[in-house]
Amino acid sequence: MLPDRFFYFNSLYMGYRIGYGVDFHQLAAGRELWLGGVLIPSSKGAVGHSDADVLLHAICDGLLGALCLGDIGVHFPNTDPAYKGIDSKKLLAKCYELVQGKGYRIVNVDSTVCLEAPKIMKYAGAMRIGIAEILGVTQDDVSIKATTTESMGFAGRGEGLMAYATVLLEKVGIL
């Protein structure tokens, strides 16, 4: 068992927190496809209570998880009409406010979007710029990758998509 002084030292001087987020949404015809705050031309879009931006939702969950603040559903429940159709950039901004309120800043974000089609990397630069502006970092601090699932599973069949995000936070003012 570790002595109490270890935990005191850890909370005072270990100023980094890592968070991991993941999100999934179904795809359907006649819906818009929002990824990373950018509208992507597509014959199918994500289905959800908000704009269903899986990338921003995964980043939100990473931010919240790093500080043990629950997940996006705790803060923005899909049963609340206030969030019906909401722009996920607003949700990300609110999550960032919670991070700042706990005395942390974002060091970097690394993310991956999994979908078969459409190809999205030509939009990654615009996504990185928009996300960086919301999070108070540079676009060089935001990584966006994309992959297919080689036609396997729900994403491979074009039924849905998913995103993963890892974030590193740093306590402001630590030695």
Protein backbone atom coordinates (compact mmCIF):
# COMPACT_ATOMS: atom_id res chain seq x y z
CA MET A 1 0.00 0.00 0.00
CA LEU A 2 1.32 3.45 -0.90
CA PRO A 3 1.74 6.04 1.85
CA ASP A 4 -0.59 9.07 1.93
CA ARG A 5 2.34 11.36 1.17
CA PHE A 6 2.66 9.67 -2.25
CA PHE A 7 -0.85 10.73 -3.20
CA TYR A 8 -0.24 14.25 -1.89
CA PHE A 9 2.97 14.50 -3.93
CA ASN A 10 1.25 13.05 -6.98
CA SER A 11 -1.61 15.56 -6.86
CA LEU A 12 0.77 18.49 -6.36
CA TYR A 13 3.50 17.74 -8.86
CA MET A 14 2.21 15.30 -11.43
CA GLY A 15 0.47 17.82 -13.60
CA TYR A 16 -0.46 15.63 -16.56
CA ARG A 17 -3.70 13.75 -17.24
CA ILE A 18 -4.49 11.52 -20.21
CA GLY A 19 -8.02 10.97 -21.47
CA TYR A 20 -9.44 8.57 -24.01
CA GLY A 21 -12.72 8.93 -25.85
CA VAL A 22 -14.67 6.89 -28.36
CA ASP A 23 -17.97 7.46 -30.15
CA PHE A 24 -20.13 5.54 -32.63
CA HIS A 25 -23.07 6.60 -34.79
CA GLN A 26 -25.23 4.93 -37.39
CA LEU A 27 -25.21 6.24 -40.95
CA ALA A 28 -28.41 6.90 -42.91
CA ALA A 29 -29.37 8.44 -46.22
CA GLY A 30 -30.72 11.96 -46.11
CA ARG A 31 -28.60 13.04 -43.13
CA GLU A 32 -25.70 15.50 -43.04
CA LEU A 33 -22.24 14.16 -42.24
CA TRP A 34 -20.44 16.41 -39.77
CA LEU A 35 -16.90 15.43 -38.79
CA GLY A 36 -14.56 17.57 -36.74
CA GLY A 37 -16.97 20.50 -37.13
CA VAL A 38 -16.83 20.32 -40.94
CA LEU A 39 -19.74 19.40 -43.20
CA ILE A 40 -18.52 16.56 -45.44
CA PRO A 41 -20.30 15.92 -48.77
CA SER A 42 -21.75 12.41 -48.54
CA SER A 43 -24.76 10.36 -49.57
CA LYS A 44 -25.13 9.27 -45.91
CA GLY A 45 -24.85 11.15 -42.66
CA ALA A 46 -24.62 10.26 -38.99
CA VAL A 47 -27.78 9.73 -36.95
CA GLY A 48 -27.94 11.22 -33.47
CA HIS A 49 -29.66 13.59 -31.07
CA SER A 50 -27.15 16.35 -31.81
CA ASP A 51 -25.42 16.82 -35.17
CA ALA A 52 -23.82 13.40 -34.44
CA ASP A 53 -20.23 14.53 -35.00
CA VAL A 54 -18.41 11.39 -33.80
CA LEU A 55 -14.99 13.03 -33.90
CA LEU A 56 -15.92 15.96 -31.66
CA HIS A 57 -17.86 13.64 -29.35
CA ALA A 58 -14.81 11.37 -28.94
CA ILE A 59 -12.63 14.41 -28.14
CA CYS A 60 -15.25 15.61 -25.62
CA ASP A 61 -15.18 12.20 -23.91
CA GLY A 62 -11.37 12.26 -23.83
CA LEU A 63 -11.36 15.69 -22.17
CA LEU A 64 -14.01 14.72 -19.63
CA GLY A 65 -12.42 11.35 -18.92
CA ALA A 66 -8.98 12.83 -18.26
CA LEU A 67 -10.43 14.75 -15.32
CA CYS A 68 -12.86 12.05 -14.14
CA LEU A 69 -15.86 14.19 -15.10
CA GLY A 70 -17.95 11.41 -16.62
CA ASP A 71 -18.80 11.35 -20.30
CA ILE A 72 -20.62 13.43 -22.88
CA GLY A 73 -23.95 11.77 -22.01
CA VAL A 74 -23.67 12.92 -18.40
CA HIS A 75 -23.23 16.56 -19.39
CA PHE A 76 -25.39 16.64 -22.54
CA PRO A 77 -28.00 13.88 -22.27
CA ASN A 78 -29.78 12.80 -25.43
CA THR A 79 -33.03 13.02 -23.49
CA ASP A 80 -32.68 16.79 -23.09
CA PRO A 81 -34.44 18.75 -25.85
CA ALA A 82 -31.93 21.59 -25.37
CA TYR A 83 -29.35 19.46 -27.20
CA LYS A 84 -31.58 18.35 -30.08
CA GLY A 85 -29.65 19.10 -33.27
CA ILE A 86 -26.99 21.10 -31.40
CA ASP A 87 -23.73 21.90 -33.15
CA SER A 88 -21.12 19.67 -31.50
CA LYS A 89 -18.59 22.50 -31.65
CA LYS A 90 -20.66 24.06 -28.83
CA LEU A 91 -20.40 20.84 -26.82
CA LEU A 92 -16.63 20.76 -27.34
CA ALA A 93 -16.36 24.39 -26.20
CA LYS A 94 -18.33 23.58 -23.04
CA CYS A 95 -16.08 20.60 -22.32
CA TYR A 96 -13.02 22.80 -22.76
CA GLU A 97 -14.51 25.29 -20.27
CA LEU A 98 -14.74 22.43 -17.74
CA VAL A 99 -11.08 21.60 -18.39
CA GLN A 100 -10.09 25.22 -17.83
CA GLY A 101 -12.26 25.37 -14.71
CA LYS A 102 -10.22 22.53 -13.22
CA GLY A 103 -6.99 24.43 -13.94
CA TYR A 104 -5.79 22.45 -16.96
CA ARG A 105 -4.76 23.23 -20.50
CA ILE A 106 -4.67 20.97 -23.52
CA VAL A 107 -1.26 19.80 -24.67
CA ASN A 108 -2.42 17.78 -27.68
CA VAL A 109 -5.20 15.71 -29.23
CA ASP A 110 -4.67 12.57 -31.30
CA SER A 111 -7.68 11.08 -33.07
CA THR A 112 -8.76 8.49 -35.61
CA VAL A 113 -12.00 8.32 -37.59
CA CYS A 114 -13.07 4.90 -38.90
CA LEU A 115 -15.38 4.78 -41.91
CA GLU A 116 -15.42 3.16 -45.30
CA ALA A 117 -16.65 6.18 -47.29
CA PRO A 118 -16.34 9.01 -48.03
CA LYS A 119 -12.62 9.65 -47.91
CA ILE A 120 -12.14 12.49 -45.42
CA MET A 121 -8.45 13.37 -45.23
CA LYS A 122 -8.80 16.28 -47.66
CA TYR A 123 -10.97 17.90 -44.95
CA ALA A 124 -8.60 17.13 -42.07
CA GLY A 125 -6.82 20.49 -42.31
CA ALA A 126 -10.07 22.42 -41.86
CA MET A 127 -11.05 20.10 -38.99
CA ARG A 128 -7.69 20.63 -37.27
CA ILE A 129 -7.96 24.42 -37.57
CA GLY A 130 -11.50 24.51 -36.19
CA ILE A 131 -10.78 22.15 -33.31
CA ALA A 132 -7.56 24.02 -32.43
CA GLU A 133 -9.43 27.33 -32.30
CA ILE A 134 -12.01 25.91 -29.89
CA LEU A 135 -9.38 24.28 -27.67
CA GLY A 136 -6.91 27.17 -27.55
CA VAL A 137 -4.06 25.25 -29.17
CA THR A 138 -2.37 25.35 -32.56
CA GLN A 139 -3.37 23.07 -35.41
CA ASP A 140 -0.03 21.32 -34.91
CA ASP A 141 -1.41 20.14 -31.56
CA VAL A 142 -4.39 18.38 -33.19
CA SER A 143 -3.86 15.13 -35.08
CA ILE A 144 -6.63 13.62 -37.20
CA LYS A 145 -6.19 10.30 -38.91
CA ALA A 146 -8.66 8.21 -40.90
CA THR A 147 -8.89 4.54 -41.66
CA THR A 148 -11.28 2.05 -43.16
CA THR A 149 -12.12 -1.25 -41.52
CA GLU A 150 -11.27 -3.14 -44.73
CA SER A 151 -14.99 -3.81 -45.37
CA MET A 152 -15.37 -5.58 -42.01
CA GLY A 153 -18.04 -4.89 -39.40
CA PHE A 154 -20.71 -2.19 -39.31
CA ALA A 155 -18.31 0.52 -40.46
CA GLY A 156 -17.05 -1.64 -43.31
CA ARG A 157 -20.62 -2.26 -44.46
CA GLY A 158 -21.33 1.50 -44.43
CA GLU A 159 -23.86 1.17 -41.59
CA GLY A 160 -21.99 3.42 -39.20
CA LEU A 161 -18.78 5.15 -38.26
CA MET A 162 -16.65 5.60 -35.17
CA ALA A 163 -13.97 7.87 -33.81
CA TYR A 164 -11.31 7.52 -31.15
CA ALA A 165 -9.45 10.34 -29.41
CA THR A 166 -6.68 10.61 -26.87
CA VAL A 167 -5.93 13.91 -25.16
CA LEU A 168 -3.10 15.07 -22.93
CA LEU A 169 -3.84 17.76 -20.36
CA GLU A 170 -1.36 19.71 -18.28
CA LYS A 171 -2.08 21.42 -14.98
CA VAL A 172 -1.50 25.15 -15.33
CA GLY A 173 1.07 26.58 -12.91
CA ILE A 174 2.80 23.31 -11.93
CA LEU A 175 6.52 23.66 -11.23
